[in-house]
C-alpha atoms as a PDB file:
ATOM      1  CA  MET A   1      -0.073   0.135  -0.094  1.00  0.00           C
ATOM      2  CA  GLU A   2       1.360   3.285  -1.021  1.00  0.00           C
ATOM      3  CA  LYS A   3       0.252   6.560   0.861  1.00  0.00           C
ATOM      4  CA  GLN A   4       1.256  10.129  -0.489  1.00  0.00           C
ATOM      5  CA  LEU A   5       2.557  12.303   2.604  1.00  0.00           C
ATOM      6  CA  THR A   6       3.951  15.823   2.925  1.00  0.00           C
ATOM      7  CA  PRO A   7       7.650  15.785   4.038  1.00  0.00           C
ATOM      8  CA  GLY A   8       6.644  16.762   7.296  1.00  0.00           C
ATOM      9  CA  GLU A   9       4.251  14.012   7.808  1.00  0.00           C
ATOM     10  CA  ALA A  10       6.676  11.541   6.465  1.00  0.00           C
ATOM     11  CA  PHE A  11       9.252  12.567   8.974  1.00  0.00           C
ATOM     12  CA  ALA A  12       6.532  12.456  11.859  1.00  0.00           C
ATOM     13  CA  ASP A  13       5.791   8.914  10.595  1.00  0.00           C
ATOM     14  CA  PHE A  14       9.646   8.147  10.554  1.00  0.00           C
ATOM     15  CA  LEU A  15       9.795   9.021  14.174  1.00  0.00           C
ATOM     16  CA  ARG A  16       7.224   6.914  15.183  1.00  0.00           C
ATOM     17  CA  TRP A  17       8.272   4.170  12.960  1.00  0.00           C
ATOM     18  CA  VAL A  18      12.068   4.444  14.083  1.00  0.00           C
ATOM     19  CA  HIS A  19      10.989   3.637  17.579  1.00  0.00           C
ATOM     20  CA  GLU A  20       8.401   0.992  17.136  1.00  0.00           C
ATOM     21  CA  SER A  21      10.323  -0.830  14.503  1.00  0.00           C
ATOM     22  CA  GLY A  22      13.409  -1.427  16.939  1.00  0.00           C
ATOM     23  CA  THR A  23      15.626   0.481  14.423  1.00  0.00           C
ATOM     24  CA  TRP A  24      16.372   3.139  17.452  1.00  0.00           C
ATOM     25  CA  GLY A  25      18.336   0.613  19.494  1.00  0.00           C
ATOM     26  CA  ASN A  26      20.475  -0.183  16.507  1.00  0.00           C
ATOM     27  CA  LEU A  27      21.548   3.332  15.540  1.00  0.00           C
ATOM     28  CA  GLU A  28      25.042   4.802  17.164  1.00  0.00           C
ATOM     29  CA  ILE A  29      24.954   7.685  19.190  1.00  0.00           C
ATOM     30  CA  LYS A  30      25.802  10.139  16.315  1.00  0.00           C
ATOM     31  CA  GLU A  31      22.901   9.101  14.674  1.00  0.00           C
ATOM     32  CA  ARG A  32      20.239   9.317  17.190  1.00  0.00           C
ATOM     33  CA  ASN A  33      21.653  12.742  18.055  1.00  0.00           C
ATOM     34  CA  ARG A  34      21.218  13.609  14.247  1.00  0.00           C
ATOM     35  CA  ILE A  35      17.502  12.565  14.454  1.00  0.00           C
ATOM     36  CA  ILE A  36      16.882  14.075  17.805  1.00  0.00           C
ATOM     37  CA  THR A  37      18.147  17.529  16.553  1.00  0.00           C
ATOM     38  CA  ALA A  38      16.050  17.321  13.246  1.00  0.00           C
ATOM     39  CA  ARG A  39      12.925  16.471  15.575  1.00  0.00           C
ATOM     40  CA  ARG A  40      13.873  19.542  17.931  1.00  0.00           C
ATOM     41  CA  ASP A  41      14.034  21.611  14.697  1.00  0.00           C
ATOM     42  CA  ALA A  42      11.043  20.429  13.183  1.00  0.00           C
ATOM     43  CA  ALA A  43       9.292  21.514  16.506  1.00  0.00           C
ATOM     44  CA  GLY A  44      10.766  24.958  15.793  1.00  0.00           C
ATOM     45  CA  LYS A  45      12.279  25.541  19.410  1.00  0.00           C
ATOM     46  CA  ARG A  46      15.636  26.796  18.347  1.00  0.00           C
ATOM     47  CA  GLY A  47      14.026  29.097  15.426  1.00  0.00           C
ATOM     48  CA  ILE A  48      15.390  26.614  12.782  1.00  0.00           C
ATOM     49  CA  VAL A  49      13.063  25.060  10.337  1.00  0.00           C
ATOM     50  CA  LEU A  50      13.579  21.682   9.272  1.00  0.00           C
ATOM     51  CA  GLN A  51      14.091  21.891   5.288  1.00  0.00           C
ATOM     52  CA  ASN A  52      12.526  19.222   2.878  1.00  0.00           C
ATOM     53  CA  THR A  53      16.307  18.408   1.830  1.00  0.00           C
ATOM     54  CA  ARG A  54      17.125  17.467   5.222  1.00  0.00           C
ATOM     55  CA  ILE A  55      14.101  15.443   5.750  1.00  0.00           C
ATOM     56  CA  LYS A  56      14.896  13.422   2.326  1.00  0.00           C
ATOM     57  CA  SER A  57      18.331  12.995   3.551  1.00  0.00           C
ATOM     58  CA  ILE A  58      17.315  11.342   6.836  1.00  0.00           C
ATOM     59  CA  LEU A  59      14.625   9.330   5.202  1.00  0.00           C
ATOM     60  CA  ASN A  60      17.146   7.969   2.515  1.00  0.00           C
ATOM     61  CA  ASP A  61      19.525   7.176   5.093  1.00  0.00           C
ATOM     62  CA  TYR A  62      17.874   5.292   7.720  1.00  0.00           C
ATOM     63  CA  ALA A  63      14.649   3.844   5.809  1.00  0.00           C
ATOM     64  CA  PRO A  64      15.135   3.931   1.943  1.00  0.00           C
ATOM     65  CA  ASP A  65      12.999   0.838   1.595  1.00  0.00           C
ATOM     66  CA  ARG A  66      10.030   2.528   3.766  1.00  0.00           C
ATOM     67  CA  TYR A  67      10.010   5.932   1.924  1.00  0.00           C
ATOM     68  CA  GLU A  68      10.267   7.113  -1.450  1.00  0.00           C
ATOM     69  CA  PHE A  69      10.762  10.913  -1.745  1.00  0.00           C
ATOM     70  CA  ARG A  70       9.510  12.322  -4.860  1.00  0.00           C
ATOM     71  CA  GLU A  71       9.729  16.119  -5.776  1.00  0.00           C
ATOM     72  CA  THR A  72       7.578  17.530  -8.348  1.00  0.00           C
ATOM     73  CA  VAL A  73       6.973  20.857 -10.028  1.00  0.00           C
ATOM     74  CA  ILE A  74       3.532  21.528 -11.657  1.00  0.00           C
ATOM     75  CA  LEU A  75       3.443  24.575 -14.087  1.00  0.00           C
ATOM     76  CA  LYS A  76      -0.095  25.985 -14.686  1.00  0.00           C
ATOM     77  CA  ASP A  77       0.078  27.487 -18.089  1.00  0.00           C
END
């Protein structure tokens, strides 16, 4: 089954999945810190916005078989 998500929705799903799947326990401290920092940035607590390119990088690095990040541009002529 495929479901279309926004990058923010996909990141929220990833955060849930990374813990529920047991993947979190297999990550190194540096990898966990990368995800924790991105989660904090997504919440906007430091005035930093979590950009789509960063979300894409995290999804591709930690769950490439679960997420397919597509970028589209639609021209309305």
